Amino acid sequence: MPAMKIDEIRGKTPEVLAAEFAATKRELFDMRFKSASQSLPDPSRIRVLRRTIARMGTILRERERKDAGPKAPKAPKAPRSGPSGAAKAAKTKESKAKKEAKA
């Protein structure tokens, strides 16, 4: 069975896609198990299955996010406490000078 194209995956209903996702993951598990115990007739099938599973997972996640609705707006960032860039650089120079004076 050749790799599923993204358009084929998008054309499936969520229920069918979830069922095929589970079946494909199971097939991949079985293929890996067989590859450890015996030689496979088509070892490249493992790669095809991995990529198909990734495509299916991507579409399922896109649909989940779409159904969840818009994201809540982010809260504004709190102002940073402590010295700014220029003040920090001056403070660092002072501390280096003190260390050199002690040595």
C-alpha atoms as a PDB file:
ATOM      1  CA  MET A   1       0.000   0.000   0.000  1.00  0.00           C
ATOM      2  CA  PRO A   2       1.593   3.326  -1.024  1.00  0.00           C
ATOM      3  CA  ALA A   3       1.823   6.281   1.339  1.00  0.00           C
ATOM      4  CA  MET A   4      -1.367   8.210   1.894  1.00  0.00           C
ATOM      5  CA  LYS A   5      -1.336  11.671   0.406  1.00  0.00           C
ATOM      6  CA  ILE A   6      -2.286  14.615   2.591  1.00  0.00           C
ATOM      7  CA  ASP A   7      -5.389  15.355   0.500  1.00  0.00           C
ATOM      8  CA  GLU A   8      -6.625  11.786   1.026  1.00  0.00           C
ATOM      9  CA  ILE A   9      -6.174  12.187   4.764  1.00  0.00           C
ATOM     10  CA  ARG A  10      -7.936  15.552   4.879  1.00  0.00           C
ATOM     11  CA  GLY A  11     -10.908  14.063   3.003  1.00  0.00           C
ATOM     12  CA  LYS A  12     -11.638  11.564   5.768  1.00  0.00           C
ATOM     13  CA  THR A  13     -14.035  12.152   8.639  1.00  0.00           C
ATOM     14  CA  PRO A  14     -12.522  12.467  12.120  1.00  0.00           C
ATOM     15  CA  GLU A  15     -13.905   9.071  13.210  1.00  0.00           C
ATOM     16  CA  VAL A  16     -12.513   7.245  10.174  1.00  0.00           C
ATOM     17  CA  LEU A  17      -9.205   9.063  10.479  1.00  0.00           C
ATOM     18  CA  ALA A  18      -8.864   8.174  14.172  1.00  0.00           C
ATOM     19  CA  ALA A  19      -9.608   4.516  13.402  1.00  0.00           C
ATOM     20  CA  GLU A  20      -7.082   4.414  10.554  1.00  0.00           C
ATOM     21  CA  PHE A  21      -4.527   6.208  12.738  1.00  0.00           C
ATOM     22  CA  ALA A  22      -4.823   3.499  15.393  1.00  0.00           C
ATOM     23  CA  ALA A  23      -4.689   0.709  12.782  1.00  0.00           C
ATOM     24  CA  THR A  24      -1.597   2.205  11.146  1.00  0.00           C
ATOM     25  CA  LYS A  25       0.163   2.573  14.494  1.00  0.00           C
ATOM     26  CA  ARG A  26      -0.630  -1.069  15.242  1.00  0.00           C
ATOM     27  CA  GLU A  27       0.725  -2.109  11.831  1.00  0.00           C
ATOM     28  CA  LEU A  28       3.936  -0.192  12.498  1.00  0.00           C
ATOM     29  CA  PHE A  29       4.277  -1.904  15.877  1.00  0.00           C
ATOM     30  CA  ASP A  30       3.825  -5.313  14.254  1.00  0.00           C
ATOM     31  CA  MET A  31       6.345  -4.494  11.515  1.00  0.00           C
ATOM     32  CA  ARG A  32       8.951  -3.417  14.071  1.00  0.00           C
ATOM     33  CA  PHE A  33       8.372  -6.559  16.086  1.00  0.00           C
ATOM     34  CA  LYS A  34       8.764  -8.739  12.995  1.00  0.00           C
ATOM     35  CA  SER A  35      11.898  -6.902  11.904  1.00  0.00           C
ATOM     36  CA  ALA A  36      13.530  -7.759  15.206  1.00  0.00           C
ATOM     37  CA  SER A  37      12.761 -11.458  14.908  1.00  0.00           C
ATOM     38  CA  GLN A  38      12.873 -12.109  11.158  1.00  0.00           C
ATOM     39  CA  SER A  39      13.538 -10.368   7.871  1.00  0.00           C
ATOM     40  CA  LEU A  40      10.792  -8.287   6.315  1.00  0.00           C
ATOM     41  CA  PRO A  41       9.730  -8.640   2.689  1.00  0.00           C
ATOM     42  CA  ASP A  42       9.533  -4.813   2.377  1.00  0.00           C
ATOM     43  CA  PRO A  43      11.586  -3.019   5.056  1.00  0.00           C
ATOM     44  CA  SER A  44      10.936   0.394   3.503  1.00  0.00           C
ATOM     45  CA  ARG A  45       7.304   0.003   4.561  1.00  0.00           C
ATOM     46  CA  ILE A  46       8.312   1.007   8.089  1.00  0.00           C
ATOM     47  CA  ARG A  47       9.400   4.408   6.810  1.00  0.00           C
ATOM     48  CA  VAL A  48       6.176   4.834   4.836  1.00  0.00           C
ATOM     49  CA  LEU A  49       4.106   3.967   7.897  1.00  0.00           C
ATOM     50  CA  ARG A  50       6.006   6.405  10.130  1.00  0.00           C
ATOM     51  CA  ARG A  51       5.420   9.248   7.717  1.00  0.00           C
ATOM     52  CA  THR A  52       1.771   8.374   7.225  1.00  0.00           C
ATOM     53  CA  ILE A  53       1.267   8.331  10.986  1.00  0.00           C
ATOM     54  CA  ALA A  54       2.922  11.755  11.228  1.00  0.00           C
ATOM     55  CA  ARG A  55       0.638  13.144   8.519  1.00  0.00           C
ATOM     56  CA  MET A  56      -2.456  11.722  10.196  1.00  0.00           C
ATOM     57  CA  GLY A  57      -1.387  13.080  13.567  1.00  0.00           C
ATOM     58  CA  THR A  58      -0.833  16.511  12.062  1.00  0.00           C
ATOM     59  CA  ILE A  59      -4.315  16.604  10.545  1.00  0.00           C
ATOM     60  CA  LEU A  60      -5.915  15.350  13.777  1.00  0.00           C
ATOM     61  CA  ARG A  61      -4.097  18.052  15.737  1.00  0.00           C
ATOM     62  CA  GLU A  62      -5.105  20.751  13.228  1.00  0.00           C
ATOM     63  CA  ARG A  63      -8.726  19.729  13.639  1.00  0.00           C
ATOM     64  CA  GLU A  64      -8.457  19.732  17.441  1.00  0.00           C
ATOM     65  CA  ARG A  65      -7.056  23.241  17.399  1.00  0.00           C
ATOM     66  CA  LYS A  66      -9.684  24.411  14.943  1.00  0.00           C
ATOM     67  CA  ASP A  67     -12.478  23.011  17.126  1.00  0.00           C
ATOM     68  CA  ALA A  68     -11.018  24.594  20.255  1.00  0.00           C
ATOM     69  CA  GLY A  69     -11.674  28.054  18.835  1.00  0.00           C
ATOM     70  CA  PRO A  70      -9.535  31.172  19.025  1.00  0.00           C
ATOM     71  CA  LYS A  71      -6.822  31.414  21.620  1.00  0.00           C
ATOM     72  CA  ALA A  72      -7.219  33.716  24.574  1.00  0.00           C
ATOM     73  CA  PRO A  73      -5.165  36.902  24.264  1.00  0.00           C
ATOM     74  CA  LYS A  74      -1.804  36.779  25.974  1.00  0.00           C
ATOM     75  CA  ALA A  75      -1.326  38.739  29.158  1.00  0.00           C
ATOM     76  CA  PRO A  76       1.100  41.640  28.839  1.00  0.00           C
ATOM     77  CA  LYS A  77       4.588  40.919  30.044  1.00  0.00           C
ATOM     78  CA  ALA A  78       5.571  42.250  33.431  1.00  0.00           C
ATOM     79  CA  PRO A  79       8.337  44.824  33.433  1.00  0.00           C
ATOM     80  CA  ARG A  80      11.732  43.415  34.242  1.00  0.00           C
ATOM     81  CA  SER A  81      13.207  44.240  37.577  1.00  0.00           C
ATOM     82  CA  GLY A  82      16.888  44.904  38.030  1.00  0.00           C
ATOM     83  CA  PRO A  83      19.367  46.992  36.143  1.00  0.00           C
ATOM     84  CA  SER A  84      18.986  47.773  32.481  1.00  0.00           C
ATOM     85  CA  GLY A  85      21.622  46.916  29.893  1.00  0.00           C
ATOM     86  CA  ALA A  86      23.812  50.003  30.376  1.00  0.00           C
ATOM     87  CA  ALA A  87      23.538  49.966  34.160  1.00  0.00           C
ATOM     88  CA  LYS A  88      24.283  46.259  34.218  1.00  0.00           C
ATOM     89  CA  ALA A  89      27.416  46.740  32.114  1.00  0.00           C
ATOM     90  CA  ALA A  90      28.678  49.499  34.429  1.00  0.00           C
ATOM     91  CA  LYS A  91      28.011  47.340  37.486  1.00  0.00           C
ATOM     92  CA  THR A  92      29.915  44.450  35.913  1.00  0.00           C
ATOM     93  CA  LYS A  93      32.912  46.701  35.232  1.00  0.00           C
ATOM     94  CA  GLU A  94      32.874  47.890  38.851  1.00  0.00           C
ATOM     95  CA  SER A  95      32.830  44.347  40.204  1.00  0.00           C
ATOM     96  CA  LYS A  96      35.713  43.327  37.913  1.00  0.00           C
ATOM     97  CA  ALA A  97      37.752  46.324  39.097  1.00  0.00           C
ATOM     98  CA  LYS A  98      37.127  45.392  42.754  1.00  0.00           C
ATOM     99  CA  LYS A  99      38.219  41.801  42.124  1.00  0.00           C
ATOM    100  CA  GLU A 100      41.420  42.987  40.429  1.00  0.00           C
ATOM    101  CA  ALA A 101      42.146  45.377  43.301  1.00  0.00           C
ATOM    102  CA  LYS A 102      41.819  42.545  45.841  1.00  0.00           C
ATOM    103  CA  ALA A 103      44.175  40.307  43.899  1.00  0.00           C
END
